Protein backbone atom coordinates (compact mmCIF):
# COMPACT_ATOMS: atom_id res chain seq x y z
CA UNK A 1 135.59 0.79 129.39
CA UNK A 2 137.73 1.30 126.29
CA UNK A 3 137.16 1.06 122.59
CA UNK A 4 136.73 3.41 119.66
CA UNK A 5 134.80 6.65 119.60
CA UNK A 6 133.74 9.00 116.85
CA UNK A 7 133.79 12.69 117.61
CA UNK A 8 131.74 14.87 115.26
CA UNK A 9 132.35 18.61 115.18
CA UNK A 10 129.65 20.55 113.33
CA UNK A 11 129.28 23.91 115.06
CA UNK A 12 127.34 26.84 113.60
CA UNK A 13 130.34 29.12 114.03
CA UNK A 14 132.66 26.94 111.94
CA UNK A 15 131.78 28.52 108.63
CA UNK A 16 132.81 31.20 106.16
CA UNK A 17 131.11 33.34 103.54
CA UNK A 18 132.86 33.49 100.18
CA UNK A 19 132.35 34.19 96.51
CA UNK A 20 133.34 31.73 93.78
CA UNK A 21 132.38 30.32 90.42
CA UNK A 22 132.56 26.70 89.38
CA UNK A 23 134.38 26.02 86.11
CA UNK A 24 132.77 23.26 84.03
CA UNK A 25 134.96 23.35 80.90
CA UNK A 26 137.25 25.61 78.91
CA UNK A 27 134.26 27.70 77.82
CA UNK A 28 131.62 27.23 80.51
CA UNK A 29 131.55 28.56 84.06
CA UNK A 30 129.05 29.79 86.60
CA UNK A 31 128.60 33.46 87.28
CA UNK A 32 130.41 34.81 90.30
CA UNK A 33 128.19 34.24 93.34
CA UNK A 34 128.49 33.54 97.05
CA UNK A 35 127.67 30.94 99.68
CA UNK A 36 127.75 30.52 103.41
CA UNK A 37 130.00 27.47 103.57
CA UNK A 38 129.88 25.23 106.65
CA UNK A 39 132.68 22.91 107.71
CA UNK A 40 132.36 19.75 109.80
CA UNK A 41 134.89 17.18 110.97
CA UNK A 42 134.43 13.63 112.16
CA UNK A 43 137.37 11.94 113.90
CA UNK A 44 137.59 8.35 115.06
CA UNK A 45 140.12 7.07 117.55
CA UNK A 46 140.65 5.02 120.70
CA UNK A 47 139.08 6.09 123.98
CA UNK A 48 141.80 6.47 126.60
CA UNK A 49 141.74 5.43 130.24
CA UNK A 50 140.59 8.97 131.08
CA UNK A 51 137.43 8.48 129.01
CA UNK A 52 138.57 10.85 126.27
CA UNK A 53 139.40 10.13 122.68
CA UNK A 54 141.43 13.37 122.49
CA UNK A 55 141.07 17.03 123.40
CA UNK A 56 139.10 18.22 120.38
CA UNK A 57 139.04 21.88 121.39
CA UNK A 58 142.26 22.36 119.41
CA UNK A 59 140.64 20.84 116.32
CA UNK A 60 137.65 23.20 116.64
CA UNK A 61 139.98 26.18 117.07
CA UNK A 62 142.01 25.23 113.99
CA UNK A 63 138.88 24.79 111.85
CA UNK A 64 137.65 28.22 112.97
CA UNK A 65 141.03 29.76 112.14
CA UNK A 66 141.06 28.21 108.66
CA UNK A 67 137.53 29.47 108.05
CA UNK A 68 138.62 32.99 109.00
CA UNK A 69 141.29 32.92 106.25
CA UNK A 70 138.54 32.35 103.65
CA UNK A 71 135.79 34.53 105.10
CA UNK A 72 134.58 37.41 102.93
CA UNK A 73 136.97 36.51 100.11
CA UNK A 74 136.60 35.67 96.46
CA UNK A 75 138.12 32.19 96.11
CA UNK A 76 140.08 31.40 92.96
CA UNK A 77 141.65 28.07 91.94
CA UNK A 78 145.39 28.20 91.25
CA UNK A 79 145.46 24.77 89.58
CA UNK A 80 142.59 25.09 87.12
CA UNK A 81 143.48 24.04 83.58
CA UNK A 82 140.97 26.64 82.30
CA UNK A 83 141.65 29.71 84.46
CA UNK A 84 144.83 31.76 84.58
CA UNK A 85 145.38 33.64 87.82
CA UNK A 86 147.94 36.43 87.97
CA UNK A 87 148.83 37.90 91.33
CA UNK A 88 150.35 41.35 91.03
CA UNK A 89 151.16 44.10 93.50
CA UNK A 90 148.03 46.05 92.58
CA UNK A 91 145.65 43.11 92.60
CA UNK A 92 144.69 39.75 91.20
CA UNK A 93 143.55 39.10 87.65
CA UNK A 94 141.70 35.96 86.62
CA UNK A 95 141.48 35.15 82.92
CA UNK A 96 138.88 32.70 81.63
CA UNK A 97 138.80 32.48 77.84
CA UNK A 98 138.35 36.06 76.68
CA UNK A 99 137.06 37.26 80.06
CA UNK A 100 139.29 39.26 82.42
CA UNK A 101 138.23 39.65 86.02
CA UNK A 102 140.18 42.04 88.24
CA UNK A 103 140.07 41.96 92.03
CA UNK A 104 141.73 43.85 94.85
CA UNK A 105 144.38 41.64 96.45
CA UNK A 106 142.76 41.96 99.89
CA UNK A 107 139.48 40.54 98.53
CA UNK A 108 140.94 37.35 97.03
CA UNK A 109 142.31 34.06 98.30
CA UNK A 110 144.01 31.94 95.63
CA UNK A 111 143.84 28.30 96.70
CA UNK A 112 145.98 25.38 95.49
CA UNK A 113 142.92 23.59 94.07
CA UNK A 114 141.65 22.73 90.57
CA UNK A 115 138.20 24.25 91.07
CA UNK A 116 136.41 26.02 93.89
CA UNK A 117 133.89 23.29 94.71
CA UNK A 118 132.84 21.73 98.00
CA UNK A 119 134.86 18.63 97.00
CA UNK A 120 138.05 20.62 96.54
CA UNK A 121 137.42 22.79 99.61
CA UNK A 122 136.98 19.66 101.76
CA UNK A 123 140.32 18.40 100.47
CA UNK A 124 141.95 21.78 101.14
CA UNK A 125 140.75 21.80 104.76
CA UNK A 126 141.82 18.18 105.25
CA UNK A 127 145.29 18.86 103.84
CA UNK A 128 145.79 21.93 106.05
CA UNK A 129 144.82 19.96 109.18
CA UNK A 130 146.73 16.75 108.50
CA UNK A 131 149.97 18.49 107.51
CA UNK A 132 150.31 19.91 111.02
CA UNK A 133 152.44 18.06 113.56
CA UNK A 134 149.98 18.94 116.34
CA UNK A 135 147.22 17.08 114.52
CA UNK A 136 149.43 14.12 113.60
CA UNK A 137 150.27 13.70 117.28
CA UNK A 138 146.62 13.05 118.13
CA UNK A 139 145.42 9.44 118.47
CA UNK A 140 143.14 9.73 115.44
CA UNK A 141 142.58 6.68 113.22
CA UNK A 142 140.44 8.46 110.61
CA UNK A 143 139.38 12.01 109.94
CA UNK A 144 136.53 12.92 107.62
CA UNK A 145 136.25 16.55 106.63
CA UNK A 146 133.02 17.84 105.07
CA UNK A 147 132.13 21.17 103.48
CA UNK A 148 128.62 22.39 102.68
CA UNK A 149 127.57 25.16 100.31
CA UNK A 150 123.97 25.00 101.45
CA UNK A 151 121.52 22.87 103.40
CA UNK A 152 121.67 19.23 102.35
CA UNK A 153 124.63 19.71 99.99
CA UNK A 154 127.89 18.34 101.40
CA UNK A 155 131.12 16.85 100.10
CA UNK A 156 133.48 14.90 102.31
CA UNK A 157 136.99 13.49 102.10
CA UNK A 158 138.71 11.08 104.46
CA UNK A 159 142.24 10.73 105.85
CA UNK A 160 143.93 7.78 107.53
CA UNK A 161 147.48 7.91 108.86
CA UNK A 162 150.08 6.20 106.70
């Protein structure tokens, strides 16, 4: 029997703990705080003659590896129109209005996003996965990547091959 299958990966160990603050405007932001973020992926593709859609162990391993790069970090957005981030040898400085926040370099991950939100994090994970040749070689018709900052609070983005 052939057809399409949807593989959902939502394992308890595919998560990271990180600090962040959401920026709402040029003069309003949340206080620095943390979450246990969970990541889930849902891939759809054809079922092969062997009864498999694809070997999804590699996808799980890659999601875990990406989570490790964010775990126990303060996440800062590099593309925010309201936050200036300066990476220096001694550390990282974030400037929001008249506030200066200094961090040790080892404690920070500056991401190419506009804001550190579940929406932007889902897009970041999706971009990291879909830019890899190993992923693009898989027979995947769609990939939905979701990130949660707490129970019942998810954002998801979807990819389809060009």
